[in-house]
Every structure is written in structure tokens, then in C-alpha cells.
């Protein structure tokens, strides 16, 4: 098992790792719209989704993986009405690659984020 940490993505805000690599898979922790410097982007769903995907991309790269090697994503939204907007940004980030995915509406997220995404990828 290998613990992943990169300064190019937001530092964990609790007692957990950015990601864990084991048996050829990388499991990321959920990412919210925190910059690598720790600033929370308390802006619209587009800005937050773009930052979340940047964080995930950096963590995956540090793990020896990439968005193209993601096999499963889970998206948490505080407003399910943001689903279509998130889909547009998500589709651009993943291109033709379409991992399995779940999207869940939740009451709240850390720092009152509008979105959190976690992924499972292969190395």
C-alpha cells in the first residue's frame, strides 16, 4: 500500500490521505473546491467542479494514473439541480472516456461545498 500526497492539489482537511494505491488501483478521497494553497472557492457550481477535477487530476498523476484510467466516480451534490451543469464540465474533463458513475444528492458537504467527487482508477 502506498499513501499519495501532492502539493499540486488541496491538502487533506482531516485525518485521511489524498489517495491510496494498492494492488494496481488508486482510491482517491473526496475532493472539494479547495486550491492547493488551501483557499476554498466558494463560487458557483462551474468553478467548484473545475477545481475538484483539477485536484483529482493532480492526485491521479502523482499516483501514476490519470483521468483516462478512472474506472469509477462518485459525485456528491448539495443541489441535484446542478446535475446538468456538472455533466457538461465532467464530460469535457473525461472526453470520450466514460467511467462507471454514481451521483448522489446530499444535504451538506464540508465547508458548505456544492460538490465533492471521489474516484477509483488503475495505475
Protein backbone atom coordinates (compact mmCIF):
# COMPACT_ATOMS: atom_id res chain seq x y z
CA UNK A 1 0.00 0.00 0.00
CA UNK A 2 1.28 3.46 -0.94
CA UNK A 3 -0.04 6.72 0.53
CA UNK A 4 -0.26 9.52 -2.07
CA UNK A 5 0.34 13.18 -1.30
CA UNK A 6 0.93 16.04 -3.71
CA UNK A 7 1.28 19.77 -3.12
CA UNK A 8 -0.40 20.35 -6.50
CA UNK A 9 -3.82 19.55 -5.01
CA UNK A 10 -5.62 20.55 -1.84
CA UNK A 11 -4.19 19.10 1.36
CA UNK A 12 -6.47 16.74 3.27
CA UNK A 13 -8.56 18.69 5.80
CA UNK A 14 -8.89 15.74 8.16
CA UNK A 15 -7.21 12.52 9.26
CA UNK A 16 -7.06 10.91 5.82
CA UNK A 17 -4.85 10.69 2.72
CA UNK A 18 -5.39 12.31 -0.66
CA UNK A 19 -5.25 8.81 -2.13
CA UNK A 20 -4.11 5.25 -1.53
CA UNK A 21 -2.57 2.97 -4.16
CA UNK A 22 -2.92 -0.77 -3.66
CA UNK A 23 -2.94 -3.78 -5.99
CA UNK A 24 -2.81 -1.65 -9.14
CA UNK A 25 -5.69 0.62 -8.11
CA UNK A 26 -5.76 4.19 -6.84
CA UNK A 27 -8.55 5.23 -4.48
CA UNK A 28 -8.88 8.99 -4.01
CA UNK A 29 -10.52 10.71 -1.10
CA UNK A 30 -13.37 13.01 -1.98
CA UNK A 31 -12.24 16.37 -3.31
CA UNK A 32 -13.99 19.69 -2.83
CA UNK A 33 -13.14 23.07 -4.37
CA UNK A 34 -10.01 23.77 -2.34
CA UNK A 35 -6.97 25.18 -4.13
CA UNK A 36 -3.51 23.72 -3.47
CA UNK A 37 -2.94 26.74 -1.20
CA UNK A 38 -5.99 25.79 0.89
CA UNK A 39 -8.34 28.52 -0.34
CA UNK A 40 -11.95 27.36 -0.68
CA UNK A 41 -13.56 28.56 -3.91
CA UNK A 42 -16.98 29.47 -2.55
CA UNK A 43 -18.31 30.26 -6.00
CA UNK A 44 -20.77 28.75 -8.47
CA UNK A 45 -21.00 25.07 -9.33
CA UNK A 46 -18.93 25.51 -12.52
CA UNK A 47 -15.92 26.97 -10.69
CA UNK A 48 -16.17 24.39 -7.92
CA UNK A 49 -16.47 21.44 -10.34
CA UNK A 50 -13.48 22.61 -12.37
CA UNK A 51 -11.31 22.89 -9.23
CA UNK A 52 -12.42 19.48 -7.96
CA UNK A 53 -11.46 17.88 -11.29
CA UNK A 54 -8.09 19.70 -11.28
CA UNK A 55 -7.38 18.33 -7.80
CA UNK A 56 -8.33 14.82 -8.85
CA UNK A 57 -6.19 15.03 -11.98
CA UNK A 58 -3.13 16.10 -9.96
CA UNK A 59 -3.65 13.36 -7.36
CA UNK A 60 -4.10 10.74 -10.06
CA UNK A 61 -0.96 11.93 -11.86
CA UNK A 62 1.05 11.68 -8.63
CA UNK A 63 -0.32 8.15 -8.26
CA UNK A 64 0.85 7.13 -11.73
CA UNK A 65 -2.66 7.25 -13.14
CA UNK A 66 -4.87 9.81 -14.93
CA UNK A 67 -8.48 10.73 -15.59
CA UNK A 68 -8.31 8.40 -18.63
CA UNK A 69 -7.62 5.47 -16.27
CA UNK A 70 -10.53 6.14 -13.90
CA UNK A 71 -12.94 3.20 -13.67
CA UNK A 72 -15.49 4.60 -11.17
CA UNK A 73 -16.52 8.01 -9.92
CA UNK A 74 -18.90 9.09 -7.19
CA UNK A 75 -20.28 12.62 -7.24
CA UNK A 76 -21.98 14.22 -4.25
CA UNK A 77 -24.16 17.28 -4.95
CA UNK A 78 -25.93 19.50 -2.45
CA UNK A 79 -28.33 20.61 -5.21
CA UNK A 80 -29.33 17.89 -7.65
CA UNK A 81 -30.48 20.67 -9.99
CA UNK A 82 -26.76 21.21 -10.71
CA UNK A 83 -26.63 17.77 -12.36
CA UNK A 84 -26.72 19.03 -15.97
CA UNK A 85 -24.07 21.72 -15.38
CA UNK A 86 -21.76 19.23 -13.67
CA UNK A 87 -22.30 16.77 -16.54
CA UNK A 88 -21.06 19.33 -19.09
CA UNK A 89 -17.83 20.03 -17.19
CA UNK A 90 -17.34 16.36 -16.30
CA UNK A 91 -17.78 15.30 -19.95
CA UNK A 92 -15.13 17.81 -21.09
CA UNK A 93 -12.67 16.59 -18.45
CA UNK A 94 -13.12 12.90 -19.27
CA UNK A 95 -13.56 13.27 -23.05
CA UNK A 96 -14.53 10.00 -24.74
CA UNK A 97 -13.65 8.03 -21.62
CA UNK A 98 -16.80 7.26 -19.62
CA UNK A 99 -16.12 5.61 -16.25
CA UNK A 100 -18.91 4.00 -14.26
CA UNK A 101 -20.50 6.67 -12.08
CA UNK A 102 -22.91 7.35 -9.26
CA UNK A 103 -24.32 10.78 -8.42
CA UNK A 104 -25.86 11.33 -5.02
CA UNK A 105 -27.82 14.28 -3.67
CA UNK A 106 -26.71 15.14 -0.13
CA UNK A 107 -27.79 17.65 2.49
CA UNK A 108 -24.38 19.24 3.04
CA UNK A 109 -20.64 18.87 2.41
CA UNK A 110 -17.51 20.12 4.20
CA UNK A 111 -17.02 23.92 4.01
CA UNK A 112 -20.54 24.15 2.52
CA UNK A 113 -19.17 22.92 -0.82
CA UNK A 114 -21.68 22.38 -3.60
CA UNK A 115 -19.85 19.30 -4.96
CA UNK A 116 -17.47 16.56 -3.90
CA UNK A 117 -16.06 13.87 -6.19
CA UNK A 118 -14.06 10.72 -5.41
CA UNK A 119 -12.63 8.30 -7.97
CA UNK A 120 -11.15 4.85 -8.34
CA UNK A 121 -8.57 4.42 -11.07
CA UNK A 122 -5.99 1.95 -12.31
CA UNK A 123 -2.26 2.50 -12.47
